[in-house]
Amino acid sequence: VQLQAFGGGLVQAGGSLRLSCAASGRTSSSYVMGWFRQAPGKEREFVAAIVRSDGSTYYADSVKGRFTISRDNAKKTAYLQMNSLKPEDTAVYYCAVRVGNEYKFWGRGTQVTVSS
């Protein structure tokens, strides 16, 4: 499975961005696609995830109410709509696919920078 994330950029605080992550290659029908982020000097952290089969979603507390994850199964693509962005959301964002209990496949990150 190959993943390609795009949509990052520079935005002012309070603004919005939408990230996309397209999967290619062999994928099962029941994988989970997640978004993670890593800020400079910090550990990578979970942001959101969506179950491909039933659309169940999960969010980190820090983004609940501001970020929305969705998916288009036909396009094998997941989206992360980020609203009310804060400077602390600045990070490199990664998408990943979980198989079983492990996020096994990772895409290259996309930089999100929120200016104050």
C-alpha atoms as a PDB file:
ATOM      1  CA  VAL A   1       0.000   0.000   0.000  1.00  0.00           C
ATOM      2  CA  GLN A   2       1.327   3.419  -0.947  1.00  0.00           C
ATOM      3  CA  LEU A   3      -0.024   6.572   0.610  1.00  0.00           C
ATOM      4  CA  GLN A   4       0.233  10.096  -0.638  1.00  0.00           C
ATOM      5  CA  ALA A   5      -0.803  13.012   1.530  1.00  0.00           C
ATOM      6  CA  PHE A   6      -1.239  16.539   0.308  1.00  0.00           C
ATOM      7  CA  GLY A   7      -3.029  19.758   1.115  1.00  0.00           C
ATOM      8  CA  GLY A   8      -0.769  21.256   3.745  1.00  0.00           C
ATOM      9  CA  GLY A   9       0.296  24.863   3.729  1.00  0.00           C
ATOM     10  CA  LEU A  10       0.503  28.113   5.633  1.00  0.00           C
ATOM     11  CA  VAL A  11      -2.653  29.556   7.164  1.00  0.00           C
ATOM     12  CA  GLN A  12      -3.487  32.164   9.741  1.00  0.00           C
ATOM     13  CA  ALA A  13      -4.925  31.223  13.096  1.00  0.00           C
ATOM     14  CA  GLY A  14      -8.643  30.660  12.792  1.00  0.00           C
ATOM     15  CA  GLY A  15      -8.327  29.536   9.205  1.00  0.00           C
ATOM     16  CA  SER A  16      -8.989  26.182   7.568  1.00  0.00           C
ATOM     17  CA  LEU A  17      -7.153  23.581   5.527  1.00  0.00           C
ATOM     18  CA  ARG A  18      -8.156  20.242   4.090  1.00  0.00           C
ATOM     19  CA  LEU A  19      -5.684  17.419   3.879  1.00  0.00           C
ATOM     20  CA  SER A  20      -6.129  14.471   1.564  1.00  0.00           C
ATOM     21  CA  CYS A  21      -4.549  11.051   1.661  1.00  0.00           C
ATOM     22  CA  ALA A  22      -4.841   8.756  -1.318  1.00  0.00           C
ATOM     23  CA  ALA A  23      -4.070   5.061  -1.005  1.00  0.00           C
ATOM     24  CA  SER A  24      -2.936   2.912  -3.879  1.00  0.00           C
ATOM     25  CA  GLY A  25      -2.039  -0.723  -4.214  1.00  0.00           C
ATOM     26  CA  ARG A  26      -3.736  -3.667  -2.591  1.00  0.00           C
ATOM     27  CA  THR A  27      -5.971  -2.664   0.283  1.00  0.00           C
ATOM     28  CA  SER A  28      -8.432  -4.725   2.213  1.00  0.00           C
ATOM     29  CA  SER A  29     -12.014  -3.636   2.717  1.00  0.00           C
ATOM     30  CA  SER A  30     -11.679  -3.221   6.440  1.00  0.00           C
ATOM     31  CA  TYR A  31      -8.656  -1.072   7.061  1.00  0.00           C
ATOM     32  CA  VAL A  32      -8.480   1.999   9.232  1.00  0.00           C
ATOM     33  CA  MET A  33      -6.946   5.185   7.913  1.00  0.00           C
ATOM     34  CA  GLY A  34      -5.494   7.561  10.421  1.00  0.00           C
ATOM     35  CA  TRP A  35      -3.877  10.946  10.620  1.00  0.00           C
ATOM     36  CA  PHE A  36      -0.976  11.704  12.914  1.00  0.00           C
ATOM     37  CA  ARG A  37       1.145  14.783  13.408  1.00  0.00           C
ATOM     38  CA  GLN A  38       4.557  15.621  14.715  1.00  0.00           C
ATOM     39  CA  ALA A  39       5.591  19.076  15.826  1.00  0.00           C
ATOM     40  CA  PRO A  40       9.263  20.062  16.140  1.00  0.00           C
ATOM     41  CA  GLY A  41      10.793  18.559  19.243  1.00  0.00           C
ATOM     42  CA  LYS A  42       7.675  16.569  20.074  1.00  0.00           C
ATOM     43  CA  GLU A  43       6.549  12.995  19.773  1.00  0.00           C
ATOM     44  CA  ARG A  44       4.282  11.989  16.953  1.00  0.00           C
ATOM     45  CA  GLU A  45       0.683  12.028  18.115  1.00  0.00           C
ATOM     46  CA  PHE A  46      -2.602  10.618  16.950  1.00  0.00           C
ATOM     47  CA  VAL A  47      -5.046  13.093  15.420  1.00  0.00           C
ATOM     48  CA  ALA A  48      -7.967  11.196  13.911  1.00  0.00           C
ATOM     49  CA  ALA A  49      -8.937   7.905  12.325  1.00  0.00           C
ATOM     50  CA  ILE A  50     -11.754   6.504  10.242  1.00  0.00           C
ATOM     51  CA  VAL A  51     -12.839   2.938   9.620  1.00  0.00           C
ATOM     52  CA  ARG A  52     -13.167   2.305   5.921  1.00  0.00           C
ATOM     53  CA  SER A  53     -16.018  -0.185   6.184  1.00  0.00           C
ATOM     54  CA  ASP A  54     -18.493   1.631   8.405  1.00  0.00           C
ATOM     55  CA  GLY A  55     -17.170   5.176   8.648  1.00  0.00           C
ATOM     56  CA  SER A  56     -16.675   5.155  12.405  1.00  0.00           C
ATOM     57  CA  THR A  57     -14.459   8.033  13.443  1.00  0.00           C
ATOM     58  CA  TYR A  58     -12.091   8.703  16.319  1.00  0.00           C
ATOM     59  CA  TYR A  59     -10.431  11.951  17.353  1.00  0.00           C
ATOM     60  CA  ALA A  60      -7.816  13.221  19.730  1.00  0.00           C
ATOM     61  CA  ASP A  61      -9.320  15.464  22.385  1.00  0.00           C
ATOM     62  CA  SER A  62      -7.208  18.364  21.153  1.00  0.00           C
ATOM     63  CA  VAL A  63      -8.957  18.431  17.765  1.00  0.00           C
ATOM     64  CA  LYS A  64     -12.519  17.364  18.599  1.00  0.00           C
ATOM     65  CA  GLY A  65     -15.031  19.840  17.306  1.00  0.00           C
ATOM     66  CA  ARG A  66     -12.491  21.450  14.983  1.00  0.00           C
ATOM     67  CA  PHE A  67     -11.275  18.646  12.729  1.00  0.00           C
ATOM     68  CA  THR A  68     -13.404  16.249  10.702  1.00  0.00           C
ATOM     69  CA  ILE A  69     -12.146  13.068   9.085  1.00  0.00           C
ATOM     70  CA  SER A  70     -14.026  11.546   6.170  1.00  0.00           C
ATOM     71  CA  ARG A  71     -13.404   9.094   3.383  1.00  0.00           C
ATOM     72  CA  ASP A  72     -14.294   8.321  -0.196  1.00  0.00           C
ATOM     73  CA  ASN A  73     -14.034   4.563  -0.572  1.00  0.00           C
ATOM     74  CA  ALA A  74     -14.272   4.631  -4.353  1.00  0.00           C
ATOM     75  CA  LYS A  75     -11.229   6.876  -4.482  1.00  0.00           C
ATOM     76  CA  LYS A  76      -9.457   5.147  -1.565  1.00  0.00           C
ATOM     77  CA  THR A  77      -8.973   8.586  -0.142  1.00  0.00           C
ATOM     78  CA  ALA A  78      -9.366  10.011   3.322  1.00  0.00           C
ATOM     79  CA  TYR A  79      -9.720  13.673   4.130  1.00  0.00           C
ATOM     80  CA  LEU A  80      -8.994  15.744   7.186  1.00  0.00           C
ATOM     81  CA  GLN A  81     -10.917  19.001   7.276  1.00  0.00           C
ATOM     82  CA  MET A  82      -9.218  21.285   9.775  1.00  0.00           C
ATOM     83  CA  ASN A  83     -11.116  24.339  10.958  1.00  0.00           C
ATOM     84  CA  SER A  84     -10.396  26.967  13.608  1.00  0.00           C
ATOM     85  CA  LEU A  85      -6.715  26.209  13.306  1.00  0.00           C
ATOM     86  CA  LYS A  86      -4.415  27.234  16.121  1.00  0.00           C
ATOM     87  CA  PRO A  87      -0.660  27.839  16.142  1.00  0.00           C
ATOM     88  CA  GLU A  88      -0.294  24.682  18.229  1.00  0.00           C
ATOM     89  CA  ASP A  89      -1.681  22.687  15.280  1.00  0.00           C
ATOM     90  CA  THR A  90       1.543  23.445  13.428  1.00  0.00           C
ATOM     91  CA  ALA A  91       3.185  20.141  12.590  1.00  0.00           C
ATOM     92  CA  VAL A  92       4.001  17.703   9.863  1.00  0.00           C
ATOM     93  CA  TYR A  93       0.872  15.650   9.265  1.00  0.00           C
ATOM     94  CA  TYR A  94       1.093  12.017   8.237  1.00  0.00           C
ATOM     95  CA  CYS A  95      -1.532   9.598   7.059  1.00  0.00           C
ATOM     96  CA  ALA A  96      -1.271   5.918   7.798  1.00  0.00           C
ATOM     97  CA  VAL A  97      -3.198   2.723   7.262  1.00  0.00           C
ATOM     98  CA  ARG A  98      -3.792   0.321  10.091  1.00  0.00           C
ATOM     99  CA  VAL A  99      -3.895  -3.371   9.436  1.00  0.00           C
ATOM    100  CA  GLY A 100      -4.990  -5.325  12.453  1.00  0.00           C
ATOM    101  CA  ASN A 101      -3.615  -3.524  15.484  1.00  0.00           C
ATOM    102  CA  GLU A 102      -0.703  -1.853  13.775  1.00  0.00           C
ATOM    103  CA  TYR A 103      -0.373   1.244  11.615  1.00  0.00           C
ATOM    104  CA  LYS A 104       1.662  -0.553   9.038  1.00  0.00           C
ATOM    105  CA  PHE A 105       1.795   1.792   6.070  1.00  0.00           C
ATOM    106  CA  TRP A 106       2.787   5.446   6.255  1.00  0.00           C
ATOM    107  CA  GLY A 107       2.803   8.253   3.770  1.00  0.00           C
ATOM    108  CA  ARG A 108       5.209  11.123   3.554  1.00  0.00           C
ATOM    109  CA  GLY A 109       4.161  14.008   5.680  1.00  0.00           C
ATOM    110  CA  THR A 110       2.693  17.304   4.649  1.00  0.00           C
ATOM    111  CA  GLN A 111       3.589  20.481   6.513  1.00  0.00           C
ATOM    112  CA  VAL A 112       0.866  22.516   8.166  1.00  0.00           C
ATOM    113  CA  THR A 113       1.915  25.876   9.563  1.00  0.00           C
ATOM    114  CA  VAL A 114      -0.508  28.093  11.464  1.00  0.00           C
ATOM    115  CA  SER A 115       0.626  31.641  12.072  1.00  0.00           C
ATOM    116  CA  SER A 116      -0.619  33.682  15.006  1.00  0.00           C
END
